[in-house]
Amino acid sequence: MSTEDSSTAPVPRDDNPVFHMGLDIAMQWGQALGGPEQLKIAFEALEPQLRREHEIRLKQLEAQAKKAENAARAAREKRQHRLRMTSLLVGAVISIAMLAGGIYVAKDAWWLATLLCGPSLIGMMLIIVLRRHDAEIMRGIADAARRSTNAAGQANQPPPPV
């Protein structure tokens, strides 16, 4: 390389060795091809191949991203399924325990039996199993619990003295 070539095309100074190696290779190619015009023609002929390779790489990256997204979706669905099954099992165990407890205490504590086996059981099942907690439904359940407790209280009163 002559001093005239370096004076006509200023070369940026960089501490990156890869940049320097690339620049050296490009300058050798330019000299081997017979000048910058032939190097420009060679790069223009190479450009379509580079674009095709770039498009292929983009498609590969999109496929990898789609695969990762599908794996994340599958993991999320698996966690949701596990949560729903756990809620179902916990709700079933609590319901059976409430029913058994209500039947067990029915003779001694009627009010506790109505609380355990009545609308509170339905409300608990709505919240734990179905994951619903609408305010209107909860008000209806509270009203039903109040009415069932009042009805059970009236049914268990001793007869009035005659």
N, C-alpha and C. Protein backbone atom coordinates (compact mmCIF):
# COMPACT_ATOMS: atom_id res chain seq x y z
N MET A 1 0.85 -1.16 0.00
CA MET A 1 0.00 0.00 0.00
C MET A 1 0.90 1.23 0.00
N SER A 2 0.60 2.16 -0.89
CA SER A 2 1.44 3.35 -1.00
C SER A 2 0.90 4.44 -0.09
N THR A 3 1.69 5.50 0.07
CA THR A 3 1.28 6.62 0.91
C THR A 3 0.19 7.42 0.25
N GLU A 4 0.11 7.38 -1.09
CA GLU A 4 -0.94 8.12 -1.80
C GLU A 4 -2.31 7.53 -1.50
N ASP A 5 -2.43 6.20 -1.42
CA ASP A 5 -3.71 5.56 -1.14
C ASP A 5 -4.21 5.93 0.24
N SER A 6 -3.31 5.98 1.21
CA SER A 6 -3.73 6.29 2.57
C SER A 6 -4.10 7.76 2.70
N SER A 7 -3.53 8.65 1.85
CA SER A 7 -3.87 10.07 1.96
C SER A 7 -5.20 10.38 1.29
N THR A 8 -5.59 9.63 0.28
CA THR A 8 -6.85 9.91 -0.41
C THR A 8 -8.05 9.36 0.36
N ALA A 9 -7.90 8.27 1.07
CA ALA A 9 -9.00 7.68 1.83
C ALA A 9 -8.61 7.63 3.30
N PRO A 10 -9.12 8.59 4.09
CA PRO A 10 -8.75 8.58 5.51
C PRO A 10 -9.33 7.33 6.19
N VAL A 11 -8.49 6.69 6.94
CA VAL A 11 -8.88 5.47 7.64
C VAL A 11 -9.17 5.83 9.10
N PRO A 12 -10.40 5.50 9.60
CA PRO A 12 -10.69 5.81 11.00
C PRO A 12 -9.84 4.95 11.93
N ARG A 13 -9.35 5.57 12.95
CA ARG A 13 -8.52 4.85 13.92
C ARG A 13 -9.44 4.31 15.01
N ASP A 14 -9.32 3.02 15.23
CA ASP A 14 -10.15 2.37 16.24
C ASP A 14 -9.28 1.34 16.94
N ASP A 15 -9.55 1.08 18.19
CA ASP A 15 -8.77 0.12 18.94
C ASP A 15 -9.28 -1.31 18.79
N ASN A 16 -10.32 -1.49 17.97
CA ASN A 16 -10.91 -2.80 17.79
C ASN A 16 -10.07 -3.61 16.80
N PRO A 17 -9.48 -4.73 17.23
CA PRO A 17 -8.63 -5.51 16.30
C PRO A 17 -9.44 -6.16 15.18
N VAL A 18 -10.68 -6.49 15.44
CA VAL A 18 -11.51 -7.09 14.40
C VAL A 18 -11.74 -6.08 13.28
N PHE A 19 -11.96 -4.84 13.66
CA PHE A 19 -12.16 -3.77 12.66
C PHE A 19 -10.91 -3.63 11.80
N HIS A 20 -9.76 -3.65 12.42
CA HIS A 20 -8.51 -3.50 11.68
C HIS A 20 -8.28 -4.69 10.73
N MET A 21 -8.60 -5.89 11.22
CA MET A 21 -8.43 -7.05 10.36
C MET A 21 -9.37 -6.98 9.17
N GLY A 22 -10.60 -6.58 9.39
CA GLY A 22 -11.57 -6.44 8.31
C GLY A 22 -11.14 -5.39 7.31
N LEU A 23 -10.64 -4.29 7.82
CA LEU A 23 -10.17 -3.22 6.94
C LEU A 23 -8.98 -3.69 6.11
N ASP A 24 -8.08 -4.43 6.72
CA ASP A 24 -6.94 -4.95 5.97
C ASP A 24 -7.38 -5.91 4.87
N ILE A 25 -8.35 -6.79 5.22
CA ILE A 25 -8.83 -7.74 4.21
C ILE A 25 -9.51 -7.00 3.06
N ALA A 26 -10.31 -5.98 3.38
CA ALA A 26 -10.98 -5.21 2.32
C ALA A 26 -9.97 -4.50 1.43
N MET A 27 -8.93 -3.97 2.02
CA MET A 27 -7.92 -3.28 1.21
C MET A 27 -7.16 -4.29 0.32
N GLN A 28 -6.88 -5.49 0.84
CA GLN A 28 -6.21 -6.50 0.03
C GLN A 28 -7.11 -6.93 -1.13
N TRP A 29 -8.41 -7.09 -0.86
CA TRP A 29 -9.33 -7.46 -1.92
C TRP A 29 -9.38 -6.36 -2.99
N GLY A 30 -9.43 -5.13 -2.50
CA GLY A 30 -9.48 -4.01 -3.45
C GLY A 30 -8.26 -4.00 -4.35
N GLN A 31 -7.10 -4.28 -3.80
CA GLN A 31 -5.88 -4.32 -4.60
C GLN A 31 -5.86 -5.54 -5.52
N ALA A 32 -6.36 -6.67 -5.01
CA ALA A 32 -6.34 -7.90 -5.81
C ALA A 32 -7.31 -7.79 -6.99
N LEU A 33 -8.43 -7.10 -6.79
CA LEU A 33 -9.41 -6.98 -7.86
C LEU A 33 -9.06 -5.89 -8.85
N GLY A 34 -8.17 -5.04 -8.50
CA GLY A 34 -7.76 -4.02 -9.45
C GLY A 34 -8.27 -2.64 -9.13
N GLY A 35 -8.74 -2.39 -7.94
CA GLY A 35 -9.16 -1.05 -7.56
C GLY A 35 -10.53 -1.03 -6.90
N PRO A 36 -10.89 0.14 -6.46
CA PRO A 36 -12.16 0.26 -5.73
C PRO A 36 -13.39 0.01 -6.61
N GLU A 37 -13.32 0.29 -7.92
CA GLU A 37 -14.47 0.07 -8.78
C GLU A 37 -14.82 -1.42 -8.86
N GLN A 38 -13.78 -2.26 -9.02
CA GLN A 38 -14.02 -3.69 -9.10
C GLN A 38 -14.49 -4.24 -7.74
N LEU A 39 -13.97 -3.68 -6.64
CA LEU A 39 -14.42 -4.09 -5.31
C LEU A 39 -15.89 -3.73 -5.11
N LYS A 40 -16.29 -2.57 -5.59
CA LYS A 40 -17.69 -2.16 -5.50
C LYS A 40 -18.58 -3.12 -6.30
N ILE A 41 -18.14 -3.52 -7.47
CA ILE A 41 -18.91 -4.47 -8.30
C ILE A 41 -19.02 -5.81 -7.58
N ALA A 42 -17.92 -6.24 -6.96
CA ALA A 42 -17.93 -7.52 -6.24
C ALA A 42 -18.90 -7.46 -5.05
N PHE A 43 -18.88 -6.35 -4.33
CA PHE A 43 -19.80 -6.20 -3.19
C PHE A 43 -21.26 -6.14 -3.64
N GLU A 44 -21.51 -5.49 -4.76
CA GLU A 44 -22.88 -5.43 -5.28
C GLU A 44 -23.35 -6.81 -5.72
N ALA A 45 -22.45 -7.62 -6.25
CA ALA A 45 -22.82 -8.99 -6.63
C ALA A 45 -23.04 -9.86 -5.38
N LEU A 46 -22.34 -9.55 -4.31
CA LEU A 46 -22.46 -10.30 -3.06
C LEU A 46 -23.70 -9.90 -2.25
N GLU A 47 -24.20 -8.70 -2.48
CA GLU A 47 -25.30 -8.16 -1.67
C GLU A 47 -26.57 -9.01 -1.71
N PRO A 48 -27.04 -9.52 -2.87
CA PRO A 48 -28.25 -10.36 -2.84
C PRO A 48 -28.10 -11.61 -1.98
N GLN A 49 -26.93 -12.24 -2.02
CA GLN A 49 -26.69 -13.43 -1.19
C GLN A 49 -26.74 -13.05 0.29
N LEU A 50 -26.15 -11.92 0.64
CA LEU A 50 -26.19 -11.48 2.03
C LEU A 50 -27.62 -11.17 2.49
N ARG A 51 -28.41 -10.60 1.60
CA ARG A 51 -29.81 -10.33 1.94
C ARG A 51 -30.58 -11.64 2.16
N ARG A 52 -30.34 -12.62 1.29
CA ARG A 52 -31.02 -13.92 1.46
C ARG A 52 -30.63 -14.56 2.79
N GLU A 53 -29.34 -14.53 3.10
CA GLU A 53 -28.88 -15.10 4.37
C GLU A 53 -29.49 -14.35 5.56
N HIS A 54 -29.60 -13.04 5.42
CA HIS A 54 -30.21 -12.23 6.48
C HIS A 54 -31.68 -12.61 6.66
N GLU A 55 -32.41 -12.77 5.58
CA GLU A 55 -33.82 -13.15 5.67
C GLU A 55 -33.98 -14.54 6.28
N ILE A 56 -33.09 -15.47 5.91
CA ILE A 56 -33.14 -16.81 6.49
C ILE A 56 -32.90 -16.74 7.99
N ARG A 57 -31.93 -15.94 8.39
CA ARG A 57 -31.64 -15.80 9.83
C ARG A 57 -32.82 -15.17 10.57
N LEU A 58 -33.46 -14.18 9.97
CA LEU A 58 -34.64 -13.57 10.59
C LEU A 58 -35.76 -14.59 10.77
N LYS A 59 -35.96 -15.42 9.76
CA LYS A 59 -37.00 -16.46 9.86
C LYS A 59 -36.65 -17.47 10.95
N GLN A 60 -35.37 -17.81 11.07
CA GLN A 60 -34.95 -18.73 12.13
C GLN A 60 -35.20 -18.10 13.51
N LEU A 61 -34.89 -16.83 13.64
CA LEU A 61 -35.12 -16.15 14.91
C LEU A 61 -36.60 -16.07 15.24
N GLU A 62 -37.43 -15.81 14.22
CA GLU A 62 -38.88 -15.78 14.44
C GLU A 62 -39.39 -17.15 14.88
N ALA A 63 -38.87 -18.21 14.26
CA ALA A 63 -39.28 -19.57 14.63
C ALA A 63 -38.86 -19.88 16.07
N GLN A 64 -37.67 -19.46 16.46
CA GLN A 64 -37.22 -19.67 17.83
C GLN A 64 -38.08 -18.89 18.81
N ALA A 65 -38.44 -17.65 18.46
CA ALA A 65 -39.28 -16.85 19.34
C ALA A 65 -40.67 -17.48 19.48
N LYS A 66 -41.20 -17.99 18.37
CA LYS A 66 -42.51 -18.64 18.41
C LYS A 66 -42.46 -19.90 19.26
N LYS A 67 -41.37 -20.64 19.14
CA LYS A 67 -41.21 -21.87 19.93
C LYS A 67 -41.13 -21.53 21.42
N ALA A 68 -40.38 -20.49 21.76
CA ALA A 68 -40.27 -20.07 23.16
C ALA A 68 -41.61 -19.58 23.69
N GLU A 69 -42.36 -18.87 22.85
CA GLU A 69 -43.69 -18.39 23.25
C GLU A 69 -44.63 -19.56 23.49
N ASN A 70 -44.59 -20.57 22.64
CA ASN A 70 -45.43 -21.75 22.82
C ASN A 70 -45.06 -22.50 24.10
N ALA A 71 -43.77 -22.58 24.38
CA ALA A 71 -43.33 -23.25 25.61
C ALA A 71 -43.80 -22.48 26.84
N ALA A 72 -43.73 -21.14 26.79
CA ALA A 72 -44.19 -20.33 27.91
C ALA A 72 -45.70 -20.48 28.09
N ARG A 73 -46.44 -20.53 26.98
CA ARG A 73 -47.89 -20.70 27.05
C ARG A 73 -48.25 -22.06 27.65
N ALA A 74 -47.51 -23.10 27.25
CA ALA A 74 -47.76 -24.44 27.79
C ALA A 74 -47.47 -24.49 29.28
N ALA A 75 -46.40 -23.85 29.71
CA ALA A 75 -46.07 -23.82 31.13
C ALA A 75 -47.13 -23.06 31.92
N ARG A 76 -47.62 -21.95 31.36
CA ARG A 76 -48.67 -21.16 32.03
C ARG A 76 -49.96 -21.97 32.14
N GLU A 77 -50.32 -22.68 31.07
CA GLU A 77 -51.52 -23.50 31.10
C GLU A 77 -51.38 -24.64 32.10
N LYS A 78 -50.19 -25.20 32.21
CA LYS A 78 -49.94 -26.28 33.17
C LYS A 78 -50.09 -25.77 34.60
N ARG A 79 -49.56 -24.56 34.89
CA ARG A 79 -49.71 -23.98 36.22
C ARG A 79 -51.17 -23.69 36.53
N GLN A 80 -51.90 -23.15 35.55
CA GLN A 80 -53.32 -22.86 35.77
C GLN A 80 -54.10 -24.14 36.02
N HIS A 81 -53.78 -25.19 35.29
CA HIS A 81 -54.47 -26.46 35.49
C HIS A 81 -54.18 -27.01 36.89
N ARG A 82 -52.93 -26.94 37.30
CA ARG A 82 -52.56 -27.42 38.63
C ARG A 82 -53.28 -26.61 39.71
N LEU A 83 -53.38 -25.30 39.54
CA LEU A 83 -54.08 -24.46 40.51
C LEU A 83 -55.56 -24.81 40.57
N ARG A 84 -56.17 -25.01 39.43
CA ARG A 84 -57.60 -25.35 39.41
C ARG A 84 -57.85 -26.73 40.03
N MET A 85 -57.00 -27.69 39.74
CA MET A 85 -57.18 -29.02 40.34
C MET A 85 -56.97 -28.96 41.86
N THR A 86 -55.98 -28.21 42.30
CA THR A 86 -55.75 -28.05 43.73
C THR A 86 -56.95 -27.39 44.40
N SER A 87 -57.49 -26.35 43.77
CA SER A 87 -58.67 -25.68 44.32
C SER A 87 -59.85 -26.64 44.38
N LEU A 88 -60.02 -27.44 43.37
CA LEU A 88 -61.12 -28.40 43.35
C LEU A 88 -60.98 -29.42 44.48
N LEU A 89 -59.77 -29.95 44.66
CA LEU A 89 -59.56 -30.92 45.73
C LEU A 89 -59.73 -30.30 47.11
N VAL A 90 -59.17 -29.11 47.31
CA VAL A 90 -59.31 -28.43 48.60
C VAL A 90 -60.78 -28.13 48.86
N GLY A 91 -61.50 -27.66 47.87
CA GLY A 91 -62.92 -27.38 48.03
C GLY A 91 -63.72 -28.62 48.37
N ALA A 92 -63.39 -29.74 47.73
CA ALA A 92 -64.10 -31.00 48.02
C ALA A 92 -63.82 -31.46 49.44
N VAL A 93 -62.58 -31.38 49.88
CA VAL A 93 -62.23 -31.81 51.24
C VAL A 93 -62.92 -30.91 52.26
N ILE A 94 -62.89 -29.61 52.05
CA ILE A 94 -63.54 -28.69 52.98
C ILE A 94 -65.05 -28.92 53.00
N SER A 95 -65.64 -29.16 51.85
CA SER A 95 -67.09 -29.40 51.79
C SER A 95 -67.47 -30.65 52.55
N ILE A 96 -66.73 -31.73 52.33
CA ILE A 96 -67.03 -32.98 53.04
C ILE A 96 -66.84 -32.79 54.54
N ALA A 97 -65.79 -32.07 54.93
CA ALA A 97 -65.56 -31.81 56.36
C ALA A 97 -66.68 -30.97 56.95
N MET A 98 -67.14 -29.95 56.21
CA MET A 98 -68.23 -29.11 56.71
C MET A 98 -69.53 -29.92 56.84
N LEU A 99 -69.81 -30.75 55.85
CA LEU A 99 -71.02 -31.58 55.92
C LEU A 99 -70.95 -32.58 57.08
N ALA A 100 -69.81 -33.25 57.22
CA ALA A 100 -69.65 -34.21 58.31
C ALA A 100 -69.73 -33.52 59.67
N GLY A 101 -69.09 -32.38 59.78
CA GLY A 101 -69.15 -31.63 61.03
C GLY A 101 -70.56 -31.15 61.33
N GLY A 102 -71.28 -30.70 60.31
CA GLY A 102 -72.66 -30.26 60.50
C GLY A 102 -73.57 -31.38 60.95
N ILE A 103 -73.37 -32.55 60.38
CA ILE A 103 -74.19 -33.71 60.77
C ILE A 103 -73.83 -34.15 62.19
N TYR A 104 -72.55 -34.08 62.52
CA TYR A 104 -72.10 -34.52 63.84
C TYR A 104 -72.64 -33.62 64.96
N VAL A 105 -72.68 -32.31 64.73
CA VAL A 105 -73.11 -31.39 65.79
C VAL A 105 -74.59 -31.04 65.71
N ALA A 106 -75.33 -31.65 64.80
CA ALA A 106 -76.74 -31.28 64.60
C ALA A 106 -77.58 -31.49 65.85
N LYS A 107 -77.35 -32.53 66.61
CA LYS A 107 -78.16 -32.81 67.80
C LYS A 107 -77.90 -31.81 68.91
N ASP A 108 -76.64 -31.42 69.08
CA ASP A 108 -76.27 -30.57 70.22
C ASP A 108 -76.31 -29.07 69.89
N ALA A 109 -75.87 -28.69 68.69
CA ALA A 109 -75.80 -27.26 68.33
C ALA A 109 -76.42 -27.07 66.95
N TRP A 110 -77.72 -26.87 66.91
CA TRP A 110 -78.43 -26.72 65.64
C TRP A 110 -77.94 -25.52 64.84
N TRP A 111 -77.58 -24.44 65.55
CA TRP A 111 -77.14 -23.23 64.87
C TRP A 111 -75.81 -23.46 64.15
N LEU A 112 -74.93 -24.28 64.77
CA LEU A 112 -73.65 -24.59 64.13
C LEU A 112 -73.87 -25.50 62.92
N ALA A 113 -74.83 -26.41 63.04
CA ALA A 113 -75.13 -27.30 61.90
C ALA A 113 -75.67 -26.50 60.73
N THR A 114 -76.51 -25.48 61.00
CA THR A 114 -77.02 -24.65 59.89
C THR A 114 -75.90 -23.82 59.27
N LEU A 115 -74.97 -23.39 60.08
CA LEU A 115 -73.85 -22.63 59.52
C LEU A 115 -72.95 -23.52 58.67
N LEU A 116 -72.70 -24.73 59.13
CA LEU A 116 -71.80 -25.63 58.41
C LEU A 116 -72.43 -26.22 57.15
N CYS A 117 -73.71 -26.55 57.20
CA CYS A 117 -74.35 -27.25 56.07
C CYS A 117 -75.22 -26.35 55.22
N GLY A 118 -75.38 -25.13 55.60
CA GLY A 118 -76.31 -24.26 54.90
C GLY A 118 -75.67 -23.46 53.78
N PRO A 119 -76.16 -22.25 53.60
CA PRO A 119 -75.67 -21.40 52.51
C PRO A 119 -74.19 -21.05 52.60
N SER A 120 -73.62 -21.12 53.80
CA SER A 120 -72.18 -20.83 53.89
C SER A 120 -71.37 -21.88 53.14
N LEU A 121 -71.85 -23.11 53.08
CA LEU A 121 -71.19 -24.16 52.30
C LEU A 121 -71.22 -23.80 50.82
N ILE A 122 -72.36 -23.31 50.38
CA ILE A 122 -72.49 -22.90 48.97
C ILE A 122 -71.57 -21.72 48.68
N GLY A 123 -71.56 -20.75 49.59
CA GLY A 123 -70.70 -19.58 49.40
C GLY A 123 -69.23 -19.95 49.36
N MET A 124 -68.83 -20.86 50.25
CA MET A 124 -67.44 -21.29 50.26
C MET A 124 -67.09 -22.01 48.95
N MET A 125 -68.00 -22.83 48.46
CA MET A 125 -67.75 -23.53 47.20
C MET A 125 -67.66 -22.54 46.03
N LEU A 126 -68.49 -21.52 46.04
CA LEU A 126 -68.40 -20.51 44.98
C LEU A 126 -67.03 -19.84 44.97
N ILE A 127 -66.55 -19.51 46.15
CA ILE A 127 -65.28 -18.79 46.23
C ILE A 127 -64.10 -19.70 45.92
N ILE A 128 -64.04 -20.88 46.54
CA ILE A 128 -62.86 -21.73 46.38
C ILE A 128 -62.84 -22.47 45.05
N VAL A 129 -63.96 -23.11 44.71
CA VAL A 129 -63.94 -23.97 43.52
C VAL A 129 -64.19 -23.18 42.24
N LEU A 130 -65.25 -22.38 42.24
CA LEU A 130 -65.60 -21.66 41.02
C LEU A 130 -64.87 -20.32 40.87
N ARG A 131 -64.25 -19.86 41.95
CA ARG A 131 -63.51 -18.59 41.95
C ARG A 131 -64.41 -17.41 41.57
N ARG A 132 -65.61 -17.42 42.10
CA ARG A 132 -66.53 -16.31 41.88
C ARG A 132 -66.84 -15.67 43.22
N HIS A 133 -66.89 -14.37 43.26
CA HIS A 133 -67.21 -13.67 44.49
C HIS A 133 -68.00 -12.38 44.18
N ASP A 134 -69.06 -12.56 43.45
CA ASP A 134 -69.91 -11.42 43.12
C ASP A 134 -70.59 -10.92 44.38
N ALA A 135 -70.68 -9.61 44.54
CA ALA A 135 -71.28 -9.02 45.74
C ALA A 135 -72.76 -9.39 45.84
N GLU A 136 -73.45 -9.42 44.72
CA GLU A 136 -74.88 -9.73 44.74
C GLU A 136 -75.12 -11.17 45.18
N ILE A 137 -74.33 -12.09 44.70
CA ILE A 137 -74.47 -13.49 45.10
C ILE A 137 -74.16 -13.64 46.59
N MET A 138 -73.13 -12.96 47.07
CA MET A 138 -72.77 -13.04 48.48
C MET A 138 -73.87 -12.47 49.37
N ARG A 139 -74.51 -11.39 48.94
CA ARG A 139 -75.64 -10.84 49.71
C ARG A 139 -76.78 -11.85 49.77
N GLY A 140 -77.04 -12.52 48.65
CA GLY A 140 -78.09 -13.55 48.62
C GLY A 140 -77.76 -14.71 49.55
N ILE A 141 -76.51 -15.11 49.59
CA ILE A 141 -76.09 -16.20 50.47
C ILE A 141 -76.22 -15.78 51.93
N ALA A 142 -75.83 -14.55 52.25
CA ALA A 142 -75.96 -14.07 53.62
C ALA A 142 -77.43 -14.02 54.03
N ASP A 143 -78.29 -13.57 53.13
CA ASP A 143 -79.72 -13.53 53.43
C ASP A 143 -80.27 -14.94 53.63
N ALA A 144 -79.86 -15.88 52.80
CA ALA A 144 -80.30 -17.27 52.95
C ALA A 144 -79.79 -17.87 54.26
N ALA A 145 -78.58 -17.55 54.66
CA ALA A 145 -78.04 -18.04 55.93
C ALA A 145 -78.85 -17.49 57.10
N ARG A 146 -79.19 -16.22 57.02
CA ARG A 146 -80.00 -15.60 58.07
C ARG A 146 -81.37 -16.28 58.17
N ARG A 147 -82.01 -16.50 57.01
CA ARG A 147 -83.33 -17.14 57.01
C ARG A 147 -83.26 -18.58 57.50
N SER A 148 -82.21 -19.32 57.11
CA SER A 148 -82.11 -20.71 57.56
C SER A 148 -81.84 -20.78 59.05
N THR A 149 -81.04 -19.87 59.58
CA THR A 149 -80.78 -19.85 61.02
C THR A 149 -82.06 -19.52 61.78
N ASN A 150 -82.84 -18.55 61.28
CA ASN A 150 -84.11 -18.19 61.93
C ASN A 150 -85.08 -19.37 61.89
N ALA A 151 -85.17 -20.03 60.75
CA ALA A 151 -86.09 -21.17 60.62
C ALA A 151 -85.67 -22.32 61.52
N ALA A 152 -84.38 -22.61 61.59
CA ALA A 152 -83.90 -23.69 62.45
C ALA A 152 -84.11 -23.34 63.91
N GLY A 153 -83.95 -22.07 64.26
CA GLY A 153 -84.18 -21.63 65.64
C GLY A 153 -85.62 -21.79 66.05
N GLN A 154 -86.53 -21.49 65.16
CA GLN A 154 -87.95 -21.62 65.47
C GLN A 154 -88.36 -23.09 65.55
N ALA A 155 -87.74 -23.93 64.74
CA ALA A 155 -88.10 -25.35 64.74
C ALA A 155 -87.58 -26.05 65.99
N ASN A 156 -86.49 -25.57 66.57
CA ASN A 156 -85.89 -26.24 67.73
C ASN A 156 -86.33 -25.64 69.06
N GLN A 157 -87.27 -24.71 69.07
CA GLN A 157 -87.75 -24.14 70.34
C GLN A 157 -88.69 -25.12 71.00
N PRO A 158 -88.63 -25.14 72.31
CA PRO A 158 -89.56 -26.02 73.02
C PRO A 158 -91.00 -25.51 72.82
N PRO A 159 -91.96 -26.41 72.88
CA PRO A 159 -93.33 -25.95 72.69
C PRO A 159 -93.75 -25.01 73.81
N PRO A 160 -94.62 -24.04 73.49
CA PRO A 160 -95.02 -23.08 74.52
C PRO A 160 -95.85 -23.80 75.60
N PRO A 161 -95.71 -23.34 76.84
CA PRO A 161 -96.48 -24.00 77.92
C PRO A 161 -97.98 -23.73 77.73
N VAL A 162 -98.77 -24.65 78.05
CA VAL A 162 -100.23 -24.53 77.90
C VAL A 162 -100.90 -24.18 79.18
